[in-house]
N, C-alpha and C. Protein backbone atom coordinates (compact mmCIF):
# COMPACT_ATOMS: atom_id res chain seq x y z
N MET A 1 10.19 10.32 -4.61
CA MET A 1 10.74 9.28 -3.77
C MET A 1 12.07 8.82 -4.36
N SER A 2 13.01 8.63 -3.50
CA SER A 2 14.29 8.14 -3.98
C SER A 2 14.40 6.65 -3.69
N GLY A 3 14.99 5.92 -4.60
CA GLY A 3 15.13 4.49 -4.42
C GLY A 3 13.83 3.76 -4.75
N LYS A 4 13.92 2.45 -4.71
CA LYS A 4 12.73 1.64 -5.03
C LYS A 4 12.09 1.14 -3.74
N LEU A 5 10.79 1.31 -3.68
CA LEU A 5 10.02 0.79 -2.56
C LEU A 5 9.36 -0.51 -3.01
N ASN A 6 9.43 -1.54 -2.19
CA ASN A 6 8.75 -2.78 -2.51
C ASN A 6 7.61 -3.07 -1.55
N VAL A 7 7.73 -2.59 -0.30
CA VAL A 7 6.68 -2.79 0.70
C VAL A 7 6.55 -1.52 1.53
N VAL A 8 5.32 -1.04 1.68
CA VAL A 8 5.04 0.11 2.53
C VAL A 8 3.83 -0.24 3.39
N VAL A 9 3.95 0.00 4.69
CA VAL A 9 2.84 -0.24 5.62
C VAL A 9 2.42 1.11 6.19
N LEU A 10 1.14 1.43 6.05
CA LEU A 10 0.59 2.70 6.52
C LEU A 10 -0.46 2.45 7.60
N ASP A 11 -0.55 3.38 8.55
CA ASP A 11 -1.57 3.30 9.59
C ASP A 11 -2.31 4.62 9.67
N ARG A 12 -3.56 4.53 10.08
CA ARG A 12 -4.36 5.72 10.36
C ARG A 12 -5.14 5.45 11.64
N CYS A 13 -4.81 6.19 12.69
CA CYS A 13 -5.45 6.00 13.99
C CYS A 13 -6.01 7.33 14.48
N ASP A 14 -7.28 7.32 14.85
CA ASP A 14 -7.94 8.49 15.43
C ASP A 14 -8.98 7.97 16.42
N PRO A 15 -8.58 7.84 17.70
CA PRO A 15 -9.50 7.29 18.71
C PRO A 15 -10.80 8.09 18.85
N SER A 16 -10.76 9.39 18.61
CA SER A 16 -11.97 10.19 18.76
C SER A 16 -13.04 9.82 17.73
N GLN A 17 -12.60 9.25 16.59
CA GLN A 17 -13.54 8.83 15.55
C GLN A 17 -13.60 7.31 15.41
N ASN A 18 -12.99 6.59 16.36
CA ASN A 18 -12.96 5.13 16.33
C ASN A 18 -12.34 4.61 15.03
N VAL A 19 -11.28 5.27 14.58
CA VAL A 19 -10.58 4.89 13.35
C VAL A 19 -9.27 4.22 13.73
N SER A 20 -9.08 3.00 13.26
CA SER A 20 -7.86 2.24 13.50
C SER A 20 -7.65 1.36 12.27
N ARG A 21 -7.00 1.91 11.25
CA ARG A 21 -6.89 1.22 9.96
C ARG A 21 -5.44 1.05 9.54
N PHE A 22 -5.23 0.08 8.68
CA PHE A 22 -3.92 -0.12 8.07
C PHE A 22 -4.09 -0.22 6.56
N TYR A 23 -3.00 0.01 5.85
CA TYR A 23 -2.96 -0.12 4.40
C TYR A 23 -1.57 -0.61 4.04
N VAL A 24 -1.48 -1.69 3.29
CA VAL A 24 -0.19 -2.25 2.87
C VAL A 24 -0.11 -2.18 1.35
N LEU A 25 1.00 -1.67 0.85
CA LEU A 25 1.29 -1.64 -0.58
C LEU A 25 2.56 -2.44 -0.80
N ARG A 26 2.52 -3.41 -1.72
CA ARG A 26 3.74 -4.17 -1.99
C ARG A 26 3.78 -4.60 -3.45
N ILE A 27 4.99 -4.67 -3.97
CA ILE A 27 5.22 -5.12 -5.34
C ILE A 27 5.86 -6.50 -5.26
N GLU A 28 5.31 -7.43 -6.03
CA GLU A 28 5.87 -8.78 -6.09
C GLU A 28 5.62 -9.35 -7.47
N PRO A 29 6.34 -10.40 -7.85
CA PRO A 29 6.11 -11.00 -9.16
C PRO A 29 4.88 -11.91 -9.14
N SER A 30 4.18 -11.96 -10.27
CA SER A 30 3.06 -12.89 -10.41
C SER A 30 3.61 -14.27 -10.77
N LEU A 31 2.73 -15.23 -10.91
CA LEU A 31 3.17 -16.57 -11.32
C LEU A 31 3.80 -16.57 -12.70
N PHE A 32 3.43 -15.58 -13.52
CA PHE A 32 3.95 -15.49 -14.88
C PHE A 32 5.10 -14.51 -15.01
N GLY A 33 5.57 -13.95 -13.88
CA GLY A 33 6.71 -13.05 -13.89
C GLY A 33 6.38 -11.58 -14.04
N ASP A 34 5.10 -11.25 -14.26
CA ASP A 34 4.72 -9.84 -14.37
C ASP A 34 4.73 -9.20 -12.98
N PRO A 35 5.18 -7.95 -12.88
CA PRO A 35 5.12 -7.28 -11.58
C PRO A 35 3.67 -6.94 -11.22
N ILE A 36 3.29 -7.21 -9.99
CA ILE A 36 1.95 -6.87 -9.53
C ILE A 36 2.05 -5.99 -8.29
N LEU A 37 1.10 -5.08 -8.17
CA LEU A 37 0.98 -4.26 -6.97
C LEU A 37 -0.17 -4.85 -6.15
N VAL A 38 0.15 -5.26 -4.94
CA VAL A 38 -0.86 -5.82 -4.04
C VAL A 38 -1.20 -4.74 -3.02
N ARG A 39 -2.51 -4.46 -2.88
CA ARG A 39 -2.99 -3.48 -1.91
C ARG A 39 -3.88 -4.19 -0.91
N GLU A 40 -3.50 -4.13 0.35
CA GLU A 40 -4.30 -4.73 1.42
C GLU A 40 -4.74 -3.63 2.36
N ARG A 41 -5.98 -3.75 2.86
CA ARG A 41 -6.47 -2.74 3.80
C ARG A 41 -7.42 -3.38 4.78
N GLY A 42 -7.62 -2.68 5.89
CA GLY A 42 -8.58 -3.16 6.88
C GLY A 42 -8.35 -2.51 8.22
N ARG A 43 -9.12 -2.97 9.20
CA ARG A 43 -8.92 -2.52 10.58
C ARG A 43 -7.67 -3.19 11.13
N ILE A 44 -6.93 -2.47 11.96
CA ILE A 44 -5.74 -3.04 12.57
C ILE A 44 -6.16 -4.27 13.37
N GLY A 45 -5.48 -5.39 13.14
CA GLY A 45 -5.82 -6.64 13.80
C GLY A 45 -6.67 -7.56 12.94
N GLN A 46 -7.14 -7.07 11.79
CA GLN A 46 -7.97 -7.87 10.89
C GLN A 46 -7.46 -7.68 9.46
N HIS A 47 -7.85 -8.58 8.57
CA HIS A 47 -7.56 -8.42 7.14
C HIS A 47 -8.90 -8.42 6.42
N ASP A 48 -9.24 -7.27 5.85
CA ASP A 48 -10.56 -7.14 5.23
C ASP A 48 -10.54 -7.34 3.72
N ARG A 49 -9.63 -6.69 3.03
CA ARG A 49 -9.71 -6.70 1.57
C ARG A 49 -8.31 -6.68 0.96
N GLN A 50 -8.20 -7.35 -0.18
CA GLN A 50 -6.95 -7.35 -0.94
C GLN A 50 -7.27 -7.13 -2.41
N ARG A 51 -6.54 -6.23 -3.03
CA ARG A 51 -6.68 -5.94 -4.47
C ARG A 51 -5.33 -6.16 -5.14
N ILE A 52 -5.37 -6.63 -6.38
CA ILE A 52 -4.15 -6.89 -7.15
C ILE A 52 -4.23 -6.15 -8.47
N GLU A 53 -3.16 -5.42 -8.78
CA GLU A 53 -3.05 -4.72 -10.06
C GLU A 53 -1.85 -5.28 -10.81
N VAL A 54 -2.05 -5.77 -12.02
CA VAL A 54 -0.95 -6.29 -12.85
C VAL A 54 -0.41 -5.15 -13.69
N HIS A 55 0.92 -5.02 -13.72
CA HIS A 55 1.58 -3.97 -14.50
C HIS A 55 2.55 -4.60 -15.50
N GLN A 56 2.83 -3.86 -16.56
CA GLN A 56 3.70 -4.38 -17.62
C GLN A 56 5.17 -4.36 -17.23
N THR A 57 5.58 -3.35 -16.45
CA THR A 57 6.98 -3.24 -16.06
C THR A 57 7.09 -2.95 -14.57
N GLN A 58 8.26 -3.20 -14.03
CA GLN A 58 8.55 -2.91 -12.62
C GLN A 58 8.43 -1.41 -12.36
N GLU A 59 8.84 -0.60 -13.33
CA GLU A 59 8.78 0.86 -13.17
C GLU A 59 7.34 1.34 -13.05
N ARG A 60 6.45 0.79 -13.87
CA ARG A 60 5.03 1.19 -13.78
C ARG A 60 4.41 0.75 -12.47
N ALA A 61 4.80 -0.41 -11.99
CA ALA A 61 4.30 -0.87 -10.69
C ALA A 61 4.80 0.05 -9.58
N ALA A 62 6.07 0.49 -9.67
CA ALA A 62 6.62 1.41 -8.67
C ALA A 62 5.92 2.76 -8.73
N GLU A 63 5.61 3.23 -9.94
CA GLU A 63 4.87 4.50 -10.08
C GLU A 63 3.49 4.39 -9.45
N ALA A 64 2.83 3.26 -9.66
CA ALA A 64 1.50 3.05 -9.07
C ALA A 64 1.59 3.00 -7.55
N LEU A 65 2.62 2.34 -7.02
CA LEU A 65 2.80 2.28 -5.57
C LEU A 65 2.98 3.68 -5.00
N GLU A 66 3.83 4.48 -5.63
CA GLU A 66 4.07 5.84 -5.14
C GLU A 66 2.81 6.70 -5.25
N SER A 67 2.03 6.50 -6.30
CA SER A 67 0.78 7.24 -6.45
C SER A 67 -0.20 6.89 -5.33
N TRP A 68 -0.35 5.59 -5.04
CA TRP A 68 -1.23 5.18 -3.94
C TRP A 68 -0.70 5.68 -2.61
N LEU A 69 0.62 5.69 -2.43
CA LEU A 69 1.22 6.19 -1.19
C LEU A 69 0.86 7.65 -0.97
N ARG A 70 1.03 8.47 -1.99
CA ARG A 70 0.68 9.90 -1.88
C ARG A 70 -0.81 10.08 -1.59
N ARG A 71 -1.65 9.31 -2.27
CA ARG A 71 -3.10 9.40 -2.08
C ARG A 71 -3.48 9.08 -0.64
N LYS A 72 -2.91 8.03 -0.09
CA LYS A 72 -3.24 7.62 1.28
C LYS A 72 -2.68 8.61 2.30
N GLN A 73 -1.50 9.17 2.04
CA GLN A 73 -0.95 10.16 2.96
C GLN A 73 -1.81 11.42 3.00
N ARG A 74 -2.40 11.80 1.88
CA ARG A 74 -3.31 12.95 1.87
C ARG A 74 -4.56 12.67 2.70
N ARG A 75 -4.93 11.40 2.83
CA ARG A 75 -6.13 11.04 3.61
C ARG A 75 -5.81 10.77 5.08
N GLY A 76 -4.58 11.04 5.49
CA GLY A 76 -4.24 10.94 6.91
C GLY A 76 -3.47 9.70 7.32
N TYR A 77 -3.13 8.83 6.39
CA TYR A 77 -2.33 7.66 6.72
C TYR A 77 -0.87 8.07 6.89
N ARG A 78 -0.18 7.41 7.82
CA ARG A 78 1.23 7.67 8.07
C ARG A 78 2.01 6.37 7.93
N VAL A 79 3.23 6.47 7.41
CA VAL A 79 4.08 5.29 7.26
C VAL A 79 4.39 4.75 8.65
N ARG A 80 4.18 3.46 8.83
CA ARG A 80 4.41 2.83 10.13
C ARG A 80 5.88 2.93 10.49
N GLY A 81 6.16 3.32 11.72
CA GLY A 81 7.53 3.41 12.20
C GLY A 81 8.19 4.76 11.97
N SER A 82 7.46 5.71 11.40
CA SER A 82 8.08 7.03 11.18
C SER A 82 7.47 8.07 12.07
């Protein structure tokens, strides 16, 4: 990936299997200034779950975001708007 990603929104829709899901990956600072990766997922139109990963550096948080992005794309998620 070129450049820094701070927010990525992914969708996975398959009406034949009643699948309508979203996944959001974003990097933001914590209250103490550490970079955190926030992962949100659920059915489109609802918010089901949120996970937070604290990282030591912005670069490690970006690497984790890209790793999750690749993992989700292998499972059929597509970047929203592309």
